[in-house]
Amino acid sequence: MFKLLRQIKFLTAAVTLLMLGGCATPPSAENMIYTGKVSGKFNKALINEVSLAATTRSTSLAAITSSEISSETFDAALKESLQARGLYSESGRFQLQAHILKIVQPPGNFTMKATTHVQYTLVDRASGKVFFKESVIADHTAITSDAFTGIKRRRLALEGAGKGSIAQFLDQLSQL
């Protein structure tokens, strides 16, 4: 009897570790790249003229954990999203600065909702004039049918919120 209980405990622990092991990966840039439609057309002055400054983070944000969007990951997703639109250039006339103000990850059980607050500033490098400055709030909810484990749902929610932020930014930029 005790042998059977030990085997069940061992099997339960092994299955739990197996389910969690592959899911504790941080959000990936590939899942935050936005290539969908925007509502307007980009100003011709922006085509191949937007360079990217390193994304910064608010000092009030907690230390980076594996479940947060890193500045480098956000940079990579933003760069790929700009390239997909034909806007990106290593040394363009305009420099885009993204500043992650806040990431909200309330605890959840079967649903995980993440909200990003990102300020985007597009500056003319020659004159220093601000061409665009907006804060974008985007959220995404991952549910149990998206992923069985809470860790993976949290990652999916963060990736969705990051992608949503980039999508809103590009949509606003297309309307200038």
N, C-alpha and C. Protein backbone atom coordinates (compact mmCIF):
# COMPACT_ATOMS: atom_id res chain seq x y z
N MET A 1 0.82 -1.19 0.00
CA MET A 1 0.00 0.00 0.00
C MET A 1 0.87 1.26 0.00
N PHE A 2 1.89 1.28 0.92
CA PHE A 2 2.76 2.46 0.99
C PHE A 2 3.59 2.61 -0.28
N LYS A 3 3.96 1.47 -0.86
CA LYS A 3 4.74 1.50 -2.09
C LYS A 3 3.91 2.13 -3.22
N LEU A 4 2.65 1.79 -3.28
CA LEU A 4 1.76 2.35 -4.30
C LEU A 4 1.58 3.85 -4.10
N LEU A 5 1.42 4.31 -2.87
CA LEU A 5 1.28 5.74 -2.59
C LEU A 5 2.55 6.49 -2.97
N ARG A 6 3.72 5.91 -2.68
CA ARG A 6 4.98 6.54 -3.06
C ARG A 6 5.10 6.66 -4.57
N GLN A 7 4.69 5.62 -5.28
CA GLN A 7 4.74 5.65 -6.74
C GLN A 7 3.80 6.71 -7.30
N ILE A 8 2.63 6.84 -6.71
CA ILE A 8 1.67 7.86 -7.16
C ILE A 8 2.22 9.26 -6.90
N LYS A 9 2.82 9.46 -5.71
CA LYS A 9 3.44 10.76 -5.41
C LYS A 9 4.55 11.09 -6.40
N PHE A 10 5.39 10.10 -6.66
CA PHE A 10 6.49 10.30 -7.59
C PHE A 10 5.97 10.63 -8.99
N LEU A 11 4.99 9.87 -9.44
CA LEU A 11 4.41 10.09 -10.76
C LEU A 11 3.77 11.47 -10.86
N THR A 12 3.05 11.88 -9.82
CA THR A 12 2.42 13.21 -9.80
C THR A 12 3.47 14.31 -9.85
N ALA A 13 4.52 14.17 -9.08
CA ALA A 13 5.60 15.17 -9.09
C ALA A 13 6.29 15.22 -10.45
N ALA A 14 6.53 14.07 -11.04
CA ALA A 14 7.20 14.02 -12.34
C ALA A 14 6.35 14.68 -13.43
N VAL A 15 5.06 14.38 -13.45
CA VAL A 15 4.16 14.98 -14.44
C VAL A 15 4.09 16.49 -14.25
N THR A 16 4.00 16.93 -13.01
CA THR A 16 3.95 18.37 -12.73
C THR A 16 5.21 19.07 -13.22
N LEU A 17 6.37 18.52 -12.92
CA LEU A 17 7.62 19.11 -13.38
C LEU A 17 7.72 19.11 -14.89
N LEU A 18 7.27 18.05 -15.52
CA LEU A 18 7.30 17.96 -16.97
C LEU A 18 6.43 19.04 -17.60
N MET A 19 5.24 19.26 -17.03
CA MET A 19 4.33 20.27 -17.57
C MET A 19 4.88 21.68 -17.39
N LEU A 20 5.54 21.94 -16.29
CA LEU A 20 6.05 23.27 -16.01
C LEU A 20 7.40 23.55 -16.67
N GLY A 21 8.19 22.53 -16.88
CA GLY A 21 9.55 22.70 -17.36
C GLY A 21 9.65 23.48 -18.65
N GLY A 22 8.89 23.16 -19.66
CA GLY A 22 8.99 23.83 -20.94
C GLY A 22 8.21 25.12 -21.02
N CYS A 23 7.46 25.46 -20.01
CA CYS A 23 6.58 26.61 -20.09
C CYS A 23 7.13 27.85 -19.40
N ALA A 24 8.23 27.73 -18.68
CA ALA A 24 8.74 28.85 -17.92
C ALA A 24 9.65 29.74 -18.75
N THR A 25 9.47 29.72 -20.04
CA THR A 25 10.28 30.56 -20.91
C THR A 25 9.76 31.98 -20.89
N PRO A 26 10.65 32.96 -21.02
CA PRO A 26 10.19 34.35 -21.04
C PRO A 26 9.45 34.66 -22.34
N PRO A 27 8.73 35.77 -22.38
CA PRO A 27 8.06 36.17 -23.61
C PRO A 27 9.06 36.28 -24.76
N SER A 28 8.63 35.89 -25.95
CA SER A 28 9.53 35.94 -27.10
C SER A 28 9.13 37.06 -28.06
N ALA A 29 10.14 37.62 -28.69
CA ALA A 29 9.91 38.70 -29.65
C ALA A 29 9.07 38.23 -30.83
N GLU A 30 9.32 37.00 -31.27
CA GLU A 30 8.61 36.48 -32.44
C GLU A 30 7.09 36.52 -32.26
N ASN A 31 6.65 36.33 -31.02
CA ASN A 31 5.21 36.32 -30.76
C ASN A 31 4.64 37.71 -30.51
N MET A 32 5.48 38.73 -30.54
CA MET A 32 5.00 40.10 -30.35
C MET A 32 5.10 40.94 -31.63
N ILE A 33 5.64 40.37 -32.69
CA ILE A 33 5.77 41.11 -33.95
C ILE A 33 4.38 41.31 -34.54
N TYR A 34 4.09 42.55 -34.96
CA TYR A 34 2.79 42.86 -35.55
C TYR A 34 2.96 43.11 -37.04
N THR A 35 2.27 42.32 -37.84
CA THR A 35 2.32 42.48 -39.29
C THR A 35 0.92 42.66 -39.88
N GLY A 36 -0.07 42.83 -39.02
CA GLY A 36 -1.45 42.99 -39.47
C GLY A 36 -1.71 44.36 -40.10
N LYS A 37 -2.96 44.60 -40.37
CA LYS A 37 -3.37 45.84 -41.03
C LYS A 37 -3.36 47.02 -40.07
N VAL A 38 -3.20 48.20 -40.65
CA VAL A 38 -3.36 49.46 -39.93
C VAL A 38 -4.43 50.26 -40.64
N SER A 39 -5.00 51.23 -39.96
CA SER A 39 -6.16 51.94 -40.52
C SER A 39 -5.80 53.04 -41.51
N GLY A 40 -4.56 53.49 -41.51
CA GLY A 40 -4.19 54.58 -42.42
C GLY A 40 -3.00 54.21 -43.28
N LYS A 41 -2.40 55.25 -43.88
CA LYS A 41 -1.19 55.07 -44.67
C LYS A 41 -0.07 55.85 -43.99
N PHE A 42 1.10 55.26 -43.97
CA PHE A 42 2.23 55.93 -43.33
C PHE A 42 2.71 57.11 -44.17
N ASN A 43 3.04 58.19 -43.49
CA ASN A 43 3.61 59.37 -44.12
C ASN A 43 4.84 58.94 -44.91
N LYS A 44 4.97 59.41 -46.13
CA LYS A 44 6.10 59.02 -46.99
C LYS A 44 7.44 59.37 -46.37
N ALA A 45 7.46 60.41 -45.54
CA ALA A 45 8.72 60.81 -44.90
C ALA A 45 9.23 59.74 -43.94
N LEU A 46 8.35 58.83 -43.52
CA LEU A 46 8.75 57.79 -42.57
C LEU A 46 9.32 56.53 -43.24
N ILE A 47 9.04 56.36 -44.53
CA ILE A 47 9.47 55.14 -45.22
C ILE A 47 10.99 55.03 -45.20
N ASN A 48 11.48 53.92 -44.65
CA ASN A 48 12.92 53.65 -44.50
C ASN A 48 13.66 54.75 -43.74
N GLU A 49 12.99 55.41 -42.82
CA GLU A 49 13.61 56.53 -42.09
C GLU A 49 13.43 56.47 -40.57
N VAL A 50 13.01 55.33 -40.04
CA VAL A 50 12.80 55.22 -38.60
C VAL A 50 13.86 54.30 -37.99
N SER A 51 14.72 54.89 -37.18
CA SER A 51 15.70 54.09 -36.43
C SER A 51 15.14 53.88 -35.03
N LEU A 52 15.77 52.98 -34.31
CA LEU A 52 15.22 52.60 -33.01
C LEU A 52 16.25 52.80 -31.92
N ALA A 53 15.89 53.59 -30.92
CA ALA A 53 16.72 53.73 -29.72
C ALA A 53 16.41 52.53 -28.82
N ALA A 54 17.32 52.19 -27.94
CA ALA A 54 17.07 51.08 -27.01
C ALA A 54 15.87 51.39 -26.14
N THR A 55 14.99 50.42 -26.01
CA THR A 55 13.82 50.57 -25.15
C THR A 55 14.26 50.75 -23.71
N THR A 56 13.62 51.70 -23.04
CA THR A 56 13.92 51.94 -21.64
C THR A 56 12.73 51.49 -20.80
N ARG A 57 12.97 51.36 -19.50
CA ARG A 57 11.94 50.91 -18.57
C ARG A 57 11.84 51.90 -17.42
N SER A 58 10.66 52.06 -16.90
CA SER A 58 10.46 52.91 -15.74
C SER A 58 11.21 52.34 -14.55
N THR A 59 11.77 53.22 -13.76
CA THR A 59 12.51 52.75 -12.58
C THR A 59 11.58 52.14 -11.54
N SER A 60 10.29 52.38 -11.66
CA SER A 60 9.35 51.81 -10.70
C SER A 60 9.03 50.35 -11.00
N LEU A 61 9.45 49.86 -12.18
CA LEU A 61 9.20 48.46 -12.51
C LEU A 61 10.09 47.57 -11.67
N ALA A 62 9.55 46.45 -11.29
CA ALA A 62 10.33 45.48 -10.50
C ALA A 62 11.46 44.93 -11.36
N ALA A 63 12.40 44.32 -10.71
CA ALA A 63 13.50 43.68 -11.43
C ALA A 63 12.93 42.68 -12.43
N ILE A 64 13.61 42.54 -13.53
CA ILE A 64 13.16 41.64 -14.59
C ILE A 64 13.13 40.20 -14.07
N THR A 65 12.02 39.56 -14.30
CA THR A 65 11.93 38.14 -14.00
C THR A 65 11.67 37.43 -15.31
N SER A 66 11.67 36.13 -15.29
CA SER A 66 11.46 35.37 -16.52
C SER A 66 10.05 35.58 -17.06
N SER A 67 9.17 36.16 -16.28
CA SER A 67 7.79 36.33 -16.74
C SER A 67 7.50 37.76 -17.19
N GLU A 68 8.52 38.58 -17.37
CA GLU A 68 8.30 39.94 -17.86
C GLU A 68 8.91 40.11 -19.24
N ILE A 69 8.46 41.14 -19.93
CA ILE A 69 9.00 41.48 -21.23
C ILE A 69 10.28 42.27 -21.01
N SER A 70 11.38 41.77 -21.52
CA SER A 70 12.65 42.50 -21.38
C SER A 70 12.71 43.61 -22.42
N SER A 71 13.53 44.60 -22.16
CA SER A 71 13.72 45.70 -23.12
C SER A 71 14.25 45.17 -24.44
N GLU A 72 15.17 44.21 -24.38
CA GLU A 72 15.75 43.64 -25.60
C GLU A 72 14.71 42.89 -26.42
N THR A 73 13.84 42.16 -25.76
CA THR A 73 12.78 41.43 -26.46
C THR A 73 11.81 42.40 -27.12
N PHE A 74 11.45 43.45 -26.40
CA PHE A 74 10.53 44.44 -26.96
C PHE A 74 11.17 45.15 -28.14
N ASP A 75 12.47 45.50 -28.01
CA ASP A 75 13.21 46.11 -29.13
C ASP A 75 13.14 45.24 -30.38
N ALA A 76 13.42 43.96 -30.21
CA ALA A 76 13.45 43.05 -31.36
C ALA A 76 12.08 42.97 -32.03
N ALA A 77 11.01 42.89 -31.25
CA ALA A 77 9.66 42.83 -31.81
C ALA A 77 9.30 44.13 -32.51
N LEU A 78 9.67 45.24 -31.91
CA LEU A 78 9.38 46.55 -32.50
C LEU A 78 10.15 46.73 -33.80
N LYS A 79 11.41 46.35 -33.80
CA LYS A 79 12.24 46.46 -35.01
C LYS A 79 11.65 45.64 -36.15
N GLU A 80 11.30 44.39 -35.88
CA GLU A 80 10.72 43.52 -36.91
C GLU A 80 9.39 44.06 -37.41
N SER A 81 8.60 44.63 -36.51
CA SER A 81 7.31 45.20 -36.90
C SER A 81 7.51 46.41 -37.80
N LEU A 82 8.50 47.24 -37.50
CA LEU A 82 8.82 48.40 -38.34
C LEU A 82 9.36 47.94 -39.71
N GLN A 83 10.21 46.92 -39.69
CA GLN A 83 10.76 46.40 -40.95
C GLN A 83 9.66 45.85 -41.84
N ALA A 84 8.68 45.18 -41.26
CA ALA A 84 7.57 44.61 -42.03
C ALA A 84 6.77 45.70 -42.75
N ARG A 85 6.81 46.91 -42.23
CA ARG A 85 6.09 48.04 -42.82
C ARG A 85 6.98 48.87 -43.75
N GLY A 86 8.26 48.53 -43.85
CA GLY A 86 9.18 49.31 -44.67
C GLY A 86 9.56 50.63 -44.04
N LEU A 87 9.46 50.73 -42.72
CA LEU A 87 9.76 51.97 -42.02
C LEU A 87 11.16 51.99 -41.42
N TYR A 88 11.71 50.85 -41.13
CA TYR A 88 12.95 50.77 -40.36
C TYR A 88 14.20 51.10 -41.18
N SER A 89 15.12 51.78 -40.52
CA SER A 89 16.44 52.06 -41.07
C SER A 89 17.41 52.15 -39.89
N GLU A 90 18.62 51.65 -40.07
CA GLU A 90 19.63 51.73 -39.00
C GLU A 90 19.94 53.18 -38.63
N SER A 91 19.94 54.06 -39.62
CA SER A 91 20.32 55.46 -39.36
C SER A 91 19.33 56.42 -40.01
N GLY A 92 18.06 56.20 -39.72
CA GLY A 92 17.01 57.01 -40.34
C GLY A 92 16.94 58.42 -39.79
N ARG A 93 16.17 59.22 -40.49
CA ARG A 93 15.97 60.61 -40.10
C ARG A 93 15.27 60.73 -38.75
N PHE A 94 14.39 59.76 -38.45
CA PHE A 94 13.62 59.78 -37.21
C PHE A 94 14.11 58.68 -36.27
N GLN A 95 14.12 59.00 -34.99
CA GLN A 95 14.48 58.00 -34.00
C GLN A 95 13.27 57.72 -33.12
N LEU A 96 12.94 56.44 -33.01
CA LEU A 96 11.83 56.00 -32.19
C LEU A 96 12.35 55.58 -30.82
N GLN A 97 11.75 56.15 -29.79
CA GLN A 97 12.09 55.80 -28.42
C GLN A 97 10.85 55.17 -27.79
N ALA A 98 11.01 53.96 -27.28
CA ALA A 98 9.92 53.29 -26.57
C ALA A 98 10.32 53.21 -25.10
N HIS A 99 9.39 53.61 -24.25
CA HIS A 99 9.65 53.59 -22.81
C HIS A 99 8.53 52.80 -22.15
N ILE A 100 8.89 51.65 -21.56
CA ILE A 100 7.89 50.82 -20.88
C ILE A 100 7.61 51.45 -19.52
N LEU A 101 6.44 52.03 -19.41
CA LEU A 101 6.05 52.71 -18.18
C LEU A 101 5.62 51.73 -17.09
N LYS A 102 4.84 50.73 -17.51
CA LYS A 102 4.28 49.82 -16.52
C LYS A 102 3.84 48.54 -17.22
N ILE A 103 3.98 47.44 -16.50
CA ILE A 103 3.42 46.16 -16.94
C ILE A 103 2.61 45.64 -15.77
N VAL A 104 1.32 45.43 -16.00
CA VAL A 104 0.44 44.96 -14.93
C VAL A 104 0.11 43.50 -15.20
N GLN A 105 0.37 42.67 -14.21
CA GLN A 105 0.10 41.24 -14.31
C GLN A 105 -0.66 40.80 -13.07
N PRO A 106 -1.94 41.11 -12.99
CA PRO A 106 -2.67 40.68 -11.80
C PRO A 106 -2.66 39.16 -11.70
N PRO A 107 -2.68 38.65 -10.47
CA PRO A 107 -2.73 37.20 -10.33
C PRO A 107 -4.02 36.67 -10.92
N GLY A 108 -3.94 35.53 -11.53
CA GLY A 108 -5.13 34.94 -12.12
C GLY A 108 -5.11 33.44 -11.94
N ASN A 109 -6.22 32.84 -12.11
CA ASN A 109 -6.30 31.40 -12.00
C ASN A 109 -6.46 30.78 -13.38
N PHE A 110 -7.65 30.85 -13.90
CA PHE A 110 -7.91 30.24 -15.19
C PHE A 110 -7.72 31.23 -16.34
N THR A 111 -7.73 32.52 -16.02
CA THR A 111 -7.43 33.53 -17.02
C THR A 111 -6.27 34.37 -16.51
N MET A 112 -5.43 34.77 -17.43
CA MET A 112 -4.29 35.64 -17.10
C MET A 112 -4.39 36.86 -18.02
N LYS A 113 -4.50 38.02 -17.41
CA LYS A 113 -4.58 39.25 -18.18
C LYS A 113 -3.34 40.08 -17.88
N ALA A 114 -2.68 40.51 -18.94
CA ALA A 114 -1.52 41.38 -18.80
C ALA A 114 -1.83 42.69 -19.52
N THR A 115 -1.35 43.78 -18.95
CA THR A 115 -1.54 45.10 -19.53
C THR A 115 -0.19 45.80 -19.60
N THR A 116 0.11 46.34 -20.78
CA THR A 116 1.35 47.11 -20.94
C THR A 116 1.01 48.58 -21.12
N HIS A 117 1.85 49.42 -20.56
CA HIS A 117 1.75 50.86 -20.72
C HIS A 117 3.10 51.29 -21.32
N VAL A 118 3.08 51.70 -22.58
CA VAL A 118 4.32 52.05 -23.27
C VAL A 118 4.18 53.44 -23.89
N GLN A 119 5.18 54.27 -23.67
CA GLN A 119 5.19 55.59 -24.29
C GLN A 119 6.12 55.53 -25.51
N TYR A 120 5.59 55.94 -26.65
CA TYR A 120 6.34 55.97 -27.90
C TYR A 120 6.61 57.42 -28.27
N THR A 121 7.86 57.74 -28.56
CA THR A 121 8.23 59.09 -28.98
C THR A 121 9.06 58.99 -30.25
N LEU A 122 8.64 59.70 -31.28
CA LEU A 122 9.36 59.73 -32.55
C LEU A 122 9.93 61.12 -32.72
N VAL A 123 11.26 61.20 -32.80
CA VAL A 123 11.95 62.48 -32.82
C VAL A 123 12.71 62.64 -34.14
N ASP A 124 12.63 63.84 -34.73
CA ASP A 124 13.44 64.17 -35.89
C ASP A 124 14.87 64.36 -35.37
N ARG A 125 15.78 63.53 -35.84
CA ARG A 125 17.14 63.55 -35.30
C ARG A 125 17.86 64.86 -35.58
N ALA A 126 17.61 65.48 -36.72
CA ALA A 126 18.32 66.70 -37.09
C ALA A 126 17.87 67.90 -36.25
N SER A 127 16.57 68.05 -36.10
CA SER A 127 16.04 69.23 -35.41
C SER A 127 15.73 68.98 -33.93
N GLY A 128 15.56 67.73 -33.55
CA GLY A 128 15.16 67.41 -32.19
C GLY A 128 13.67 67.57 -31.96
N LYS A 129 12.94 67.92 -33.01
CA LYS A 129 11.51 68.13 -32.91
C LYS A 129 10.78 66.79 -32.73
N VAL A 130 9.84 66.79 -31.79
CA VAL A 130 9.04 65.59 -31.55
C VAL A 130 7.95 65.52 -32.62
N PHE A 131 7.97 64.45 -33.38
CA PHE A 131 7.03 64.23 -34.47
C PHE A 131 5.78 63.50 -33.98
N PHE A 132 5.97 62.66 -32.96
CA PHE A 132 4.89 61.84 -32.43
C PHE A 132 5.23 61.48 -30.98
N LYS A 133 4.25 61.60 -30.08
CA LYS A 133 4.45 61.18 -28.70
C LYS A 133 3.11 60.75 -28.12
N GLU A 134 3.00 59.48 -27.84
CA GLU A 134 1.76 58.93 -27.30
C GLU A 134 2.06 57.80 -26.34
N SER A 135 1.23 57.67 -25.33
CA SER A 135 1.28 56.50 -24.45
C SER A 135 0.20 55.54 -24.89
N VAL A 136 0.55 54.29 -24.99
CA VAL A 136 -0.37 53.25 -25.45
C VAL A 136 -0.57 52.25 -24.33
N ILE A 137 -1.83 51.97 -24.05
CA ILE A 137 -2.17 50.96 -23.06
C ILE A 137 -2.83 49.81 -23.82
N ALA A 138 -2.25 48.63 -23.68
CA ALA A 138 -2.78 47.46 -24.38
C ALA A 138 -2.84 46.28 -23.42
N ASP A 139 -3.90 45.49 -23.56
CA ASP A 139 -3.99 44.31 -22.71
C ASP A 139 -4.34 43.09 -23.54
N HIS A 140 -4.09 41.96 -22.94
CA HIS A 140 -4.41 40.68 -23.58
C HIS A 140 -4.70 39.68 -22.47
N THR A 141 -5.69 38.85 -22.71
CA THR A 141 -6.06 37.83 -21.74
C THR A 141 -5.86 36.45 -22.36
N ALA A 142 -5.16 35.59 -21.64
CA ALA A 142 -4.98 34.20 -22.04
C ALA A 142 -5.84 33.34 -21.12
N ILE A 143 -6.54 32.39 -21.72
CA ILE A 143 -7.44 31.54 -20.95
C ILE A 143 -6.94 30.09 -20.95
N THR A 144 -7.59 29.27 -20.18
CA THR A 144 -7.17 27.89 -20.01
C THR A 144 -7.08 27.15 -21.34
N SER A 145 -7.97 27.43 -22.27
CA SER A 145 -7.91 26.73 -23.56
C SER A 145 -6.68 27.17 -24.37
N ASP A 146 -6.08 28.31 -24.04
CA ASP A 146 -4.85 28.75 -24.70
C ASP A 146 -3.65 27.96 -24.19
N ALA A 147 -3.64 27.69 -22.91
CA ALA A 147 -2.54 26.95 -22.29
C ALA A 147 -3.01 26.37 -20.96
N PHE A 148 -2.59 25.16 -20.69
CA PHE A 148 -3.01 24.47 -19.47
C PHE A 148 -2.35 25.07 -18.24
N THR A 149 -1.06 25.38 -18.32
CA THR A 149 -0.35 25.87 -17.13
C THR A 149 -0.44 27.38 -17.02
N GLY A 150 -0.48 27.84 -15.77
CA GLY A 150 -0.56 29.27 -15.50
C GLY A 150 0.66 30.03 -15.99
N ILE A 151 1.82 29.41 -15.92
CA ILE A 151 3.05 30.06 -16.36
C ILE A 151 2.99 30.36 -17.85
N LYS A 152 2.52 29.40 -18.61
CA LYS A 152 2.42 29.61 -20.07
C LYS A 152 1.33 30.64 -20.39
N ARG A 153 0.21 30.59 -19.66
CA ARG A 153 -0.85 31.58 -19.88
C ARG A 153 -0.33 32.98 -19.61
N ARG A 154 0.49 33.14 -18.57
CA ARG A 154 1.07 34.45 -18.25
C ARG A 154 1.96 34.93 -19.40
N ARG A 155 2.80 34.03 -19.93
CA ARG A 155 3.67 34.39 -21.06
C ARG A 155 2.84 34.78 -22.27
N LEU A 156 1.81 34.01 -22.57
CA LEU A 156 0.95 34.33 -23.71
C LEU A 156 0.24 35.68 -23.53
N ALA A 157 -0.19 35.95 -22.29
CA ALA A 157 -0.84 37.23 -22.01
C ALA A 157 0.14 38.39 -22.21
N LEU A 158 1.37 38.23 -21.72
CA LEU A 158 2.39 39.28 -21.90
C LEU A 158 2.72 39.49 -23.37
N GLU A 159 2.90 38.41 -24.10
CA GLU A 159 3.20 38.53 -25.54
C GLU A 159 2.05 39.20 -26.28
N GLY A 160 0.83 38.83 -25.93
CA GLY A 160 -0.33 39.45 -26.57
C GLY A 160 -0.44 40.93 -26.26
N ALA A 161 -0.15 41.30 -25.02
CA ALA A 161 -0.20 42.72 -24.64
C ALA A 161 0.91 43.50 -25.33
N GLY A 162 2.10 42.92 -25.43
CA GLY A 162 3.20 43.57 -26.15
C GLY A 162 2.88 43.77 -27.61
N LYS A 163 2.34 42.74 -28.24
CA LYS A 163 1.95 42.82 -29.65
C LYS A 163 0.84 43.85 -29.84
N GLY A 164 -0.11 43.86 -28.92
CA GLY A 164 -1.20 44.83 -29.00
C GLY A 164 -0.70 46.26 -28.89
N SER A 165 0.30 46.48 -28.05
CA SER A 165 0.89 47.81 -27.91
C SER A 165 1.54 48.26 -29.21
N ILE A 166 2.31 47.37 -29.80
CA ILE A 166 2.97 47.70 -31.08
C ILE A 166 1.93 47.93 -32.16
N ALA A 167 0.88 47.13 -32.19
CA ALA A 167 -0.19 47.30 -33.18
C ALA A 167 -0.86 48.66 -33.03
N GLN A 168 -1.19 49.05 -31.79
CA GLN A 168 -1.83 50.35 -31.58
C GLN A 168 -0.91 51.49 -31.97
N PHE A 169 0.37 51.37 -31.62
CA PHE A 169 1.33 52.40 -31.99
C PHE A 169 1.39 52.56 -33.51
N LEU A 170 1.55 51.45 -34.22
CA LEU A 170 1.63 51.52 -35.69
C LEU A 170 0.36 52.08 -36.30
N ASP A 171 -0.79 51.71 -35.72
CA ASP A 171 -2.06 52.25 -36.22
C ASP A 171 -2.13 53.76 -36.03
N GLN A 172 -1.73 54.24 -34.86
CA GLN A 172 -1.74 55.68 -34.60
C GLN A 172 -0.76 56.39 -35.52
N LEU A 173 0.42 55.79 -35.72
CA LEU A 173 1.43 56.40 -36.58
C LEU A 173 0.94 56.46 -38.02
N SER A 174 0.16 55.50 -38.45
CA SER A 174 -0.35 55.46 -39.83
C SER A 174 -1.40 56.54 -40.09
N GLN A 175 -1.91 57.14 -39.04
CA GLN A 175 -2.96 58.14 -39.20
C GLN A 175 -2.44 59.59 -39.20
N LEU A 176 -1.12 59.74 -39.09
CA LEU A 176 -0.56 61.11 -39.07
C LEU A 176 -0.58 61.74 -40.44
